[in-house]
Amino acid sequence: MTTTAERTAPSRRTQLKFVLVLGGLTAFGPLSIDMYLPALPRMAADLHAADSTVQLTLSAFIVGLALGQLVLGPLSDALGRRGPLLAGLALYVVGSVLCAVSPDVWLLVAARFVQSLGAAAGIVIARATVRDLFSGTAMTKFFSTLMLVSGLAPILAPLIGGQLLTWTSWRGVFVVLTAFGALLLAVVVFFLPEPSATRSPLRLGPVLRTYGRLALDRSFAGYALASGLLFASLFAYISGSSFALQGVYGLSPQAYSVVFGANGVGIVLAGQLNGRLVGRVPERALLRSGLLLGVTGGALVLASVVFRAPLALLLVSLFLLVSSIGLVMPNASSLALAAHARSAGAASALLGVLQFVVGALATPLVGLGGPGTAVPMAATMAGFAVLALVAYLALARKPS
């Protein structure tokens, strides 16, 4: 990105406060999805439901997360960030309580949908708030710092969920999520001021026109598609790696947890490296490097699987591809939001929705070959990494 007039940087203490609060808000998605995954078999048994029916609780959450961002993003552009955020956090707490006390699986599915609408507020408004508070390289640096929190969340969530199940039921997991939502609600009430002074009209016509304008903006589309398509590679890894590494390559659950955690650490380290390089290296160059790293990792993953290379090479290849997220996401988010200060909420919503929608489309592809092969997972990861680079090269224009 060409140099941009920077806003007055908040003090170090204020920045730390923003990192903790906004990082907690961005962690809503992975915590709410990953923490209860170890409990799915118990939930099916306790609620006398089929596994496929219980899995609808995950589908309902992802659908609500996408729809909630589309609605709450423009709402925060019109009403300010605090009001919709507080309402969303309150809704998350209510939804989490309903999940904890649901007597049957269908009420649990509905409660998860309610919970997801509240979680969407945290995710979309946190990203828009970063755009309100920062600009230029400062914004990219802050997004990189957030990777420290958002990168750790998917690593820790399954571990926390598994440990909780050693001394409580699956309902206890939702009690913990209720407490997490209530804590963030209190923190936002007392420690997060209204960051946005600009307002956009809250009418359906202007909102739809804003989404249309964003979708037709080649640069925005290029950055959004680059991040969304690479995120689909990560979705393919998350949904397929457990079956591939344990079922095909024979890793124990404990060894798989170590591999999964190490790759999550790779995201964090790449994000922190990005934060140190921003300002000395243009954001576009860092984004392009991250996409090339993803393509390289994806190609090596596919080659390792197809040619049955040693497991060590596959693990290194997975590390490269997953780590590339830490370079791509901060830069793509910053570049996509840079020119849309007045519609940061709507732009943030499209970024988030695209990630989850494309990721959801990638997930079924992983299982096409059955349980005895890792080729579909590898091909899906490599294919979406290549598409991410192509989208960037074809659509993202260099600023004049």
Protein backbone atom coordinates (compact mmCIF):
# COMPACT_ATOMS: atom_id res chain seq x y z
CA MET A 1 0.00 0.00 0.00
CA THR A 2 1.23 3.47 -0.70
CA THR A 3 1.86 5.57 2.36
CA THR A 4 -1.31 6.80 3.97
CA ALA A 5 -1.89 9.51 6.48
CA GLU A 6 -1.83 7.77 9.82
CA ARG A 7 -4.15 8.55 12.67
CA THR A 8 -2.61 9.55 15.95
CA ALA A 9 -1.42 6.27 17.41
CA PRO A 10 -2.97 5.33 20.75
CA SER A 11 -0.66 4.91 23.71
CA ARG A 12 0.94 1.53 24.32
CA ARG A 13 -1.38 0.83 27.24
CA THR A 14 -4.43 1.77 25.16
CA GLN A 15 -3.27 -0.45 22.30
CA LEU A 16 -2.86 -3.37 24.70
CA LYS A 17 -6.43 -2.81 25.91
CA PHE A 18 -7.70 -2.82 22.33
CA VAL A 19 -5.73 -6.00 21.54
CA LEU A 20 -7.24 -7.85 24.49
CA VAL A 21 -10.82 -6.66 23.90
CA LEU A 22 -10.89 -6.93 20.11
CA GLY A 23 -8.87 -10.14 20.21
CA GLY A 24 -11.47 -11.63 22.55
CA LEU A 25 -14.22 -10.59 20.16
CA THR A 26 -12.50 -12.16 17.14
CA ALA A 27 -12.04 -15.37 19.16
CA PHE A 28 -15.82 -15.88 19.42
CA GLY A 29 -15.99 -17.94 16.23
CA PRO A 30 -13.21 -20.49 16.85
CA LEU A 31 -14.03 -20.81 20.56
CA SER A 32 -17.73 -21.39 19.92
CA ILE A 33 -17.05 -23.89 17.13
CA ASP A 34 -14.00 -25.79 18.33
CA MET A 35 -14.55 -25.95 22.08
CA TYR A 36 -17.61 -28.19 21.90
CA LEU A 37 -16.40 -30.49 19.10
CA PRO A 38 -14.99 -33.12 21.52
CA ALA A 39 -18.44 -33.31 23.11
CA LEU A 40 -20.43 -34.17 19.96
CA PRO A 41 -20.59 -37.95 20.61
CA ARG A 42 -21.79 -37.39 24.18
CA MET A 43 -24.38 -34.87 23.01
CA ALA A 44 -25.78 -37.36 20.52
CA ALA A 45 -26.08 -40.02 23.23
CA ASP A 46 -27.57 -37.71 25.87
CA LEU A 47 -30.12 -36.19 23.48
CA HIS A 48 -30.95 -39.54 21.81
CA ALA A 49 -30.15 -38.05 18.40
CA ALA A 50 -28.29 -39.26 15.34
CA ASP A 51 -24.76 -38.00 14.80
CA SER A 52 -25.86 -36.25 11.59
CA THR A 53 -28.60 -34.40 13.48
CA VAL A 54 -26.19 -33.23 16.19
CA GLN A 55 -23.84 -31.98 13.46
CA LEU A 56 -26.61 -29.59 12.43
CA THR A 57 -25.68 -27.57 15.52
CA LEU A 58 -22.42 -26.74 13.72
CA SER A 59 -24.17 -25.97 10.43
CA ALA A 60 -26.68 -23.70 12.20
CA PHE A 61 -23.84 -21.82 13.86
CA ILE A 62 -21.97 -21.22 10.59
CA VAL A 63 -25.15 -20.06 8.81
CA GLY A 64 -25.98 -17.68 11.65
CA LEU A 65 -22.42 -16.39 11.70
CA ALA A 66 -22.66 -15.48 8.00
CA LEU A 67 -26.15 -13.94 8.15
CA GLY A 68 -25.37 -12.06 11.35
CA GLN A 69 -22.33 -10.39 9.84
CA LEU A 70 -24.31 -9.27 6.77
CA VAL A 71 -26.91 -7.59 8.99
CA LEU A 72 -24.77 -6.29 11.86
CA GLY A 73 -22.00 -4.83 9.69
CA PRO A 74 -24.20 -2.17 8.04
CA LEU A 75 -26.13 -1.73 11.30
CA SER A 76 -22.91 -0.71 13.03
CA ASP A 77 -22.15 1.72 10.18
CA ALA A 78 -25.48 3.43 10.83
CA LEU A 79 -25.83 3.27 14.62
CA GLY A 80 -22.21 3.20 15.74
CA ARG A 81 -20.25 0.21 16.97
CA ARG A 82 -21.13 0.02 20.68
CA GLY A 83 -24.91 -0.38 20.48
CA PRO A 84 -25.00 -3.32 18.03
CA LEU A 85 -21.98 -4.88 19.73
CA LEU A 86 -23.58 -4.77 23.19
CA ALA A 87 -26.83 -6.15 21.78
CA GLY A 88 -24.92 -8.92 20.02
CA LEU A 89 -22.97 -9.86 23.14
CA ALA A 90 -26.19 -9.97 25.17
CA LEU A 91 -27.73 -12.20 22.48
CA TYR A 92 -24.67 -14.47 22.62
CA VAL A 93 -25.05 -14.88 26.38
CA VAL A 94 -28.76 -15.69 26.00
CA GLY A 95 -28.03 -18.18 23.22
CA SER A 96 -25.29 -19.86 25.27
CA VAL A 97 -27.64 -20.26 28.26
CA LEU A 98 -30.27 -21.79 25.97
CA CYS A 99 -27.65 -24.21 24.61
CA ALA A 100 -26.72 -25.28 28.15
CA VAL A 101 -30.33 -26.05 29.14
CA SER A 102 -31.72 -27.37 25.81
CA PRO A 103 -33.75 -30.54 26.50
CA ASP A 104 -33.63 -31.86 22.90
CA VAL A 105 -31.45 -31.57 19.84
CA TRP A 106 -33.76 -29.34 17.79
CA LEU A 107 -33.94 -26.71 20.52
CA LEU A 108 -30.15 -26.96 20.71
CA VAL A 109 -29.90 -26.30 16.96
CA ALA A 110 -32.12 -23.20 17.36
CA ALA A 111 -30.12 -22.05 20.38
CA ARG A 112 -26.86 -22.40 18.44
CA PHE A 113 -28.31 -20.20 15.71
CA VAL A 114 -29.18 -17.53 18.30
CA GLN A 115 -25.70 -17.85 19.80
CA SER A 116 -24.08 -17.46 16.38
CA LEU A 117 -25.91 -14.21 15.64
CA GLY A 118 -24.36 -12.74 18.78
CA ALA A 119 -20.93 -14.13 17.91
CA ALA A 120 -21.20 -12.49 14.48
CA ALA A 121 -21.45 -9.09 16.15
CA GLY A 122 -18.12 -9.60 17.90
CA ILE A 123 -16.31 -10.74 14.77
CA VAL A 124 -17.59 -8.18 12.27
CA ILE A 125 -17.58 -5.18 14.60
CA ALA A 126 -14.10 -5.95 15.95
CA ARG A 127 -12.70 -5.84 12.40
CA ALA A 128 -14.59 -2.64 11.58
CA THR A 129 -13.40 -1.06 14.85
CA VAL A 130 -9.79 -1.65 13.84
CA ARG A 131 -10.52 0.34 10.67
CA ASP A 132 -12.04 3.12 12.80
CA LEU A 133 -9.04 3.31 15.11
CA PHE A 134 -6.15 2.88 12.69
CA SER A 135 -5.11 3.52 9.11
CA GLY A 136 -2.23 2.67 6.80
CA THR A 137 0.56 0.51 8.18
CA ALA A 138 -0.69 1.00 11.75
CA MET A 139 -3.86 -0.85 10.80
CA THR A 140 -1.90 -3.72 9.27
CA LYS A 141 0.35 -3.93 12.33
CA PHE A 142 -2.68 -4.12 14.58
CA PHE A 143 -4.29 -6.85 12.49
CA SER A 144 -1.00 -8.75 12.76
CA THR A 145 -1.07 -8.37 16.55
CA LEU A 146 -4.63 -9.71 16.62
CA MET A 147 -3.32 -12.86 14.93
CA LEU A 148 -1.64 -13.65 18.24
CA VAL A 149 -5.05 -13.98 19.88
CA SER A 150 -7.13 -15.29 16.98
CA GLY A 151 -4.39 -17.78 16.06
CA LEU A 152 -4.23 -19.21 19.57
CA ALA A 153 -8.01 -19.60 19.89
CA PRO A 154 -8.41 -22.59 17.52
CA ILE A 155 -5.37 -24.24 19.13
CA LEU A 156 -6.61 -23.90 22.70
CA ALA A 157 -10.35 -24.35 22.16
CA PRO A 158 -10.40 -28.15 21.51
CA LEU A 159 -7.90 -28.68 24.35
CA ILE A 160 -10.03 -26.64 26.75
CA GLY A 161 -13.17 -28.45 25.61
CA GLY A 162 -11.54 -31.85 26.07
CA GLN A 163 -10.33 -30.96 29.57
CA LEU A 164 -13.75 -29.62 30.55
CA LEU A 165 -15.31 -32.94 29.60
CA THR A 166 -13.13 -34.73 32.14
CA TRP A 167 -15.05 -33.14 35.00
CA THR A 168 -18.31 -31.85 33.53
CA SER A 169 -20.85 -32.68 30.81
CA TRP A 170 -21.18 -31.04 27.41
CA ARG A 171 -23.59 -28.60 29.04
CA GLY A 172 -20.68 -27.35 31.12
CA VAL A 173 -18.89 -26.32 27.91
CA PHE A 174 -21.76 -23.96 27.10
CA VAL A 175 -21.73 -22.65 30.68
CA VAL A 176 -18.09 -21.68 30.15
CA LEU A 177 -19.00 -20.00 26.84
CA THR A 178 -21.78 -18.15 28.67
CA ALA A 179 -19.26 -16.86 31.20
CA PHE A 180 -16.88 -15.85 28.40
CA GLY A 181 -19.64 -13.87 26.66
CA ALA A 182 -20.73 -12.21 29.92
CA LEU A 183 -17.14 -11.23 30.71
CA LEU A 184 -16.66 -9.63 27.30
CA LEU A 185 -20.00 -7.86 27.62
CA ALA A 186 -18.82 -6.29 30.89
CA VAL A 187 -15.43 -5.40 29.41
CA VAL A 188 -17.01 -3.66 26.41
CA VAL A 189 -19.42 -1.74 28.66
CA PHE A 190 -16.60 -0.32 30.77
CA PHE A 191 -13.52 -0.27 28.56
CA LEU A 192 -14.43 0.10 24.86
CA PRO A 193 -15.59 3.59 23.86
CA GLU A 194 -17.50 4.34 20.68
CA PRO A 195 -14.75 4.49 18.01
CA SER A 196 -16.77 5.53 14.97
CA ALA A 197 -17.85 9.13 14.45
CA THR A 198 -19.20 8.66 10.91
CA ARG A 199 -22.64 7.24 10.18
CA SER A 200 -24.25 5.77 7.07
CA PRO A 201 -28.03 5.70 6.47
CA LEU A 202 -29.79 2.56 7.69
CA ARG A 203 -32.12 1.91 4.76
CA LEU A 204 -32.33 -1.28 2.74
CA GLY A 205 -31.67 0.44 -0.60
CA PRO A 206 -28.41 2.17 0.46
CA VAL A 207 -27.25 -0.96 2.29
CA LEU A 208 -27.76 -3.14 -0.80
CA ARG A 209 -26.07 -0.50 -2.97
CA THR A 210 -23.11 -0.48 -0.57
CA TYR A 211 -22.77 -4.25 -0.84
CA GLY A 212 -23.08 -3.99 -4.62
CA ARG A 213 -20.44 -1.26 -4.78
CA LEU A 214 -18.07 -3.31 -2.65
CA ALA A 215 -18.63 -6.45 -4.72
CA LEU A 216 -17.89 -4.53 -7.94
CA ASP A 217 -14.79 -2.85 -6.53
CA ARG A 218 -12.02 -4.85 -8.21
CA SER A 219 -9.40 -4.16 -5.56
CA PHE A 220 -11.73 -5.02 -2.67
CA ALA A 221 -12.87 -8.17 -4.48
CA GLY A 222 -9.28 -9.20 -5.14
CA TYR A 223 -8.20 -8.83 -1.53
CA ALA A 224 -11.41 -10.39 -0.18
CA LEU A 225 -11.25 -13.37 -2.54
CA ALA A 226 -7.54 -13.89 -1.86
CA SER A 227 -8.16 -14.13 1.89
CA GLY A 228 -11.41 -16.09 1.52
CA LEU A 229 -9.99 -18.69 -0.88
CA LEU A 230 -6.87 -19.23 1.21
CA PHE A 231 -9.12 -19.52 4.28
CA ALA A 232 -10.89 -22.32 2.41
CA SER A 233 -7.57 -24.18 2.31
CA LEU A 234 -7.44 -23.83 6.08
CA PHE A 235 -11.03 -25.15 6.34
CA ALA A 236 -10.03 -28.16 4.25
CA TYR A 237 -7.10 -28.78 6.57
CA ILE A 238 -9.23 -28.45 9.71
CA SER A 239 -11.97 -30.76 8.43
CA GLY A 240 -9.71 -33.38 6.82
CA SER A 241 -6.40 -33.49 8.66
CA SER A 242 -7.66 -35.52 11.61
CA PHE A 243 -8.88 -38.33 9.33
CA ALA A 244 -5.87 -38.12 7.02
CA LEU A 245 -3.09 -37.97 9.60
CA GLN A 246 -4.64 -40.49 12.00
CA GLY A 247 -6.47 -42.81 9.59
CA VAL A 248 -4.00 -42.82 6.69
CA TYR A 249 -0.65 -42.00 8.34
CA GLY A 250 -1.31 -43.64 11.70
CA LEU A 251 -0.73 -40.74 14.07
CA SER A 252 -2.14 -41.19 17.55
CA PRO A 253 -4.68 -38.62 18.79
CA GLN A 254 -1.99 -37.16 21.05
CA ALA A 255 0.52 -36.85 18.19
CA TYR A 256 -2.16 -35.31 15.99
CA SER A 257 -2.90 -32.72 18.71
CA VAL A 258 0.79 -31.78 18.76
CA VAL A 259 0.82 -31.36 14.95
CA PHE A 260 -2.39 -29.33 15.03
CA GLY A 261 -1.01 -27.10 17.77
CA ALA A 262 2.33 -26.62 15.99
CA ASN A 263 0.57 -25.46 12.83
CA GLY A 264 -1.49 -23.01 14.90
CA VAL A 265 1.73 -21.66 16.37
CA GLY A 266 2.94 -21.19 12.79
CA ILE A 267 0.02 -18.83 12.13
CA VAL A 268 0.89 -16.83 15.23
CA LEU A 269 4.60 -16.61 14.37
CA ALA A 270 3.88 -15.58 10.78
CA GLY A 271 1.50 -12.89 12.04
CA GLN A 272 4.10 -11.51 14.41
CA LEU A 273 6.75 -11.54 11.67
CA ASN A 274 4.33 -9.65 9.46
CA GLY A 275 3.85 -7.03 12.16
CA ARG A 276 7.59 -6.46 12.36
CA LEU A 277 7.99 -6.16 8.58
CA VAL A 278 5.04 -3.83 7.95
CA GLY A 279 6.31 -0.32 7.36
CA ARG A 280 9.60 -1.58 5.96
CA VAL A 281 8.01 -3.87 3.35
CA PRO A 282 4.83 -2.83 1.45
CA GLU A 283 1.64 -4.64 2.48
CA ARG A 284 1.05 -5.83 -1.08
CA ALA A 285 4.49 -7.46 -1.17
CA LEU A 286 3.84 -9.19 2.15
CA LEU A 287 0.42 -10.35 0.94
CA ARG A 288 1.90 -11.65 -2.30
CA SER A 289 4.64 -13.46 -0.34
CA GLY A 290 2.02 -15.09 1.90
CA LEU A 291 0.01 -16.27 -1.10
CA LEU A 292 3.13 -17.67 -2.77
CA LEU A 293 4.02 -19.45 0.48
CA GLY A 294 0.51 -20.92 0.53
CA VAL A 295 0.78 -22.13 -3.06
CA THR A 296 4.21 -23.63 -2.37
CA GLY A 297 2.95 -25.39 0.75
CA GLY A 298 -0.16 -26.61 -1.07
CA ALA A 299 1.85 -28.00 -3.98
CA LEU A 300 4.20 -29.80 -1.58
CA VAL A 301 1.25 -31.22 0.39
CA LEU A 302 -0.28 -32.59 -2.81
CA ALA A 303 3.02 -33.98 -4.05
CA SER A 304 3.75 -35.55 -0.65
CA VAL A 305 0.41 -37.34 -0.63
CA VAL A 306 0.36 -38.41 -4.29
CA PHE A 307 3.94 -39.72 -4.28
CA ARG A 308 3.71 -41.09 -0.73
CA ALA A 309 6.64 -39.08 0.54
CA PRO A 310 7.85 -39.51 4.14
CA LEU A 311 5.48 -38.15 6.78
CA ALA A 312 8.04 -35.52 7.81
CA LEU A 313 7.83 -33.83 4.40
CA LEU A 314 4.03 -33.78 4.58
CA LEU A 315 4.11 -32.21 8.05
CA VAL A 316 6.56 -29.50 6.90
CA SER A 317 4.37 -28.82 3.85
CA LEU A 318 1.26 -28.49 6.03
CA PHE A 319 3.13 -26.11 8.32
CA LEU A 320 4.07 -23.87 5.39
CA LEU A 321 0.53 -23.71 4.03
CA VAL A 322 -1.19 -23.15 7.37
CA SER A 323 1.40 -20.56 8.47
CA SER A 324 0.77 -18.51 5.31
CA ILE A 325 -2.57 -17.49 6.87
CA GLY A 326 -0.61 -15.33 9.31
CA LEU A 327 0.85 -13.31 6.43
CA VAL A 328 -2.22 -13.15 4.22
CA MET A 329 -5.06 -12.29 6.61
CA PRO A 330 -3.65 -9.11 8.23
CA ASN A 331 -2.53 -7.60 4.92
CA ALA A 332 -5.62 -8.61 2.94
CA SER A 333 -7.94 -7.26 5.65
CA SER A 334 -6.05 -3.98 5.92
CA LEU A 335 -5.84 -3.42 2.16
CA ALA A 336 -9.50 -4.36 1.63
CA LEU A 337 -10.77 -1.99 4.34
CA ALA A 338 -8.37 0.90 3.65
CA ALA A 339 -10.57 2.75 1.14
CA HIS A 340 -13.90 2.10 2.89
CA ALA A 341 -13.87 4.06 6.12
CA ARG A 342 -17.55 5.10 5.89
CA SER A 343 -18.71 1.54 5.17
CA ALA A 344 -16.19 -0.38 7.26
CA GLY A 345 -18.93 -2.47 8.87
CA ALA A 346 -20.35 -3.62 5.53
CA ALA A 347 -16.87 -4.24 4.13
CA SER A 348 -15.93 -6.21 7.23
CA ALA A 349 -19.14 -8.25 6.87
CA LEU A 350 -18.35 -9.21 3.27
CA LEU A 351 -14.82 -10.22 4.24
CA GLY A 352 -16.10 -12.45 7.02
CA VAL A 353 -19.00 -13.96 5.09
CA LEU A 354 -16.79 -14.79 2.13
CA GLN A 355 -14.36 -16.66 4.37
CA PHE A 356 -17.04 -18.84 5.94
CA VAL A 357 -19.09 -19.40 2.77
CA VAL A 358 -16.09 -20.44 0.64
CA GLY A 359 -14.75 -22.46 3.55
CA ALA A 360 -18.07 -24.27 3.88
CA LEU A 361 -17.98 -25.08 0.15
CA ALA A 362 -14.48 -26.52 0.48
CA THR A 363 -15.29 -28.82 3.40
CA PRO A 364 -17.37 -31.47 1.52
CA LEU A 365 -14.64 -31.84 -1.12
CA VAL A 366 -12.26 -33.25 1.48
CA GLY A 367 -14.23 -36.48 1.93
CA LEU A 368 -14.87 -37.32 -1.74
CA GLY A 369 -12.31 -40.12 -1.86
CA GLY A 370 -13.48 -41.93 1.26
CA PRO A 371 -11.59 -42.56 4.51
CA GLY A 372 -8.60 -44.40 3.03
CA THR A 373 -6.94 -41.53 1.14
CA ALA A 374 -5.62 -38.04 1.84
CA VAL A 375 -5.56 -37.00 -1.83
CA PRO A 376 -8.90 -35.09 -1.83
CA MET A 377 -7.80 -33.05 1.20
CA ALA A 378 -4.42 -32.28 -0.37
CA ALA A 379 -5.94 -31.42 -3.75
CA THR A 380 -8.54 -29.15 -2.13
CA MET A 381 -5.91 -27.32 -0.08
CA ALA A 382 -3.59 -26.87 -3.07
CA GLY A 383 -6.40 -25.88 -5.43
CA PHE A 384 -7.83 -23.16 -3.23
CA ALA A 385 -4.35 -21.78 -2.50
CA VAL A 386 -3.76 -21.45 -6.26
CA LEU A 387 -7.18 -19.81 -6.73
CA ALA A 388 -6.35 -17.31 -3.99
CA LEU A 389 -3.17 -16.23 -5.78
CA VAL A 390 -4.99 -16.03 -9.14
CA ALA A 391 -7.76 -13.86 -7.63
CA TYR A 392 -5.18 -11.48 -6.20
CA LEU A 393 -3.18 -11.21 -9.42
CA ALA A 394 -6.30 -10.78 -11.59
CA LEU A 395 -8.30 -8.33 -9.50
CA ALA A 396 -6.25 -6.48 -6.89
CA ARG A 397 -5.06 -3.27 -8.49
CA LYS A 398 -1.92 -1.52 -7.38
CA PRO A 399 -2.85 1.86 -5.82
CA SER A 400 -1.78 4.88 -7.80
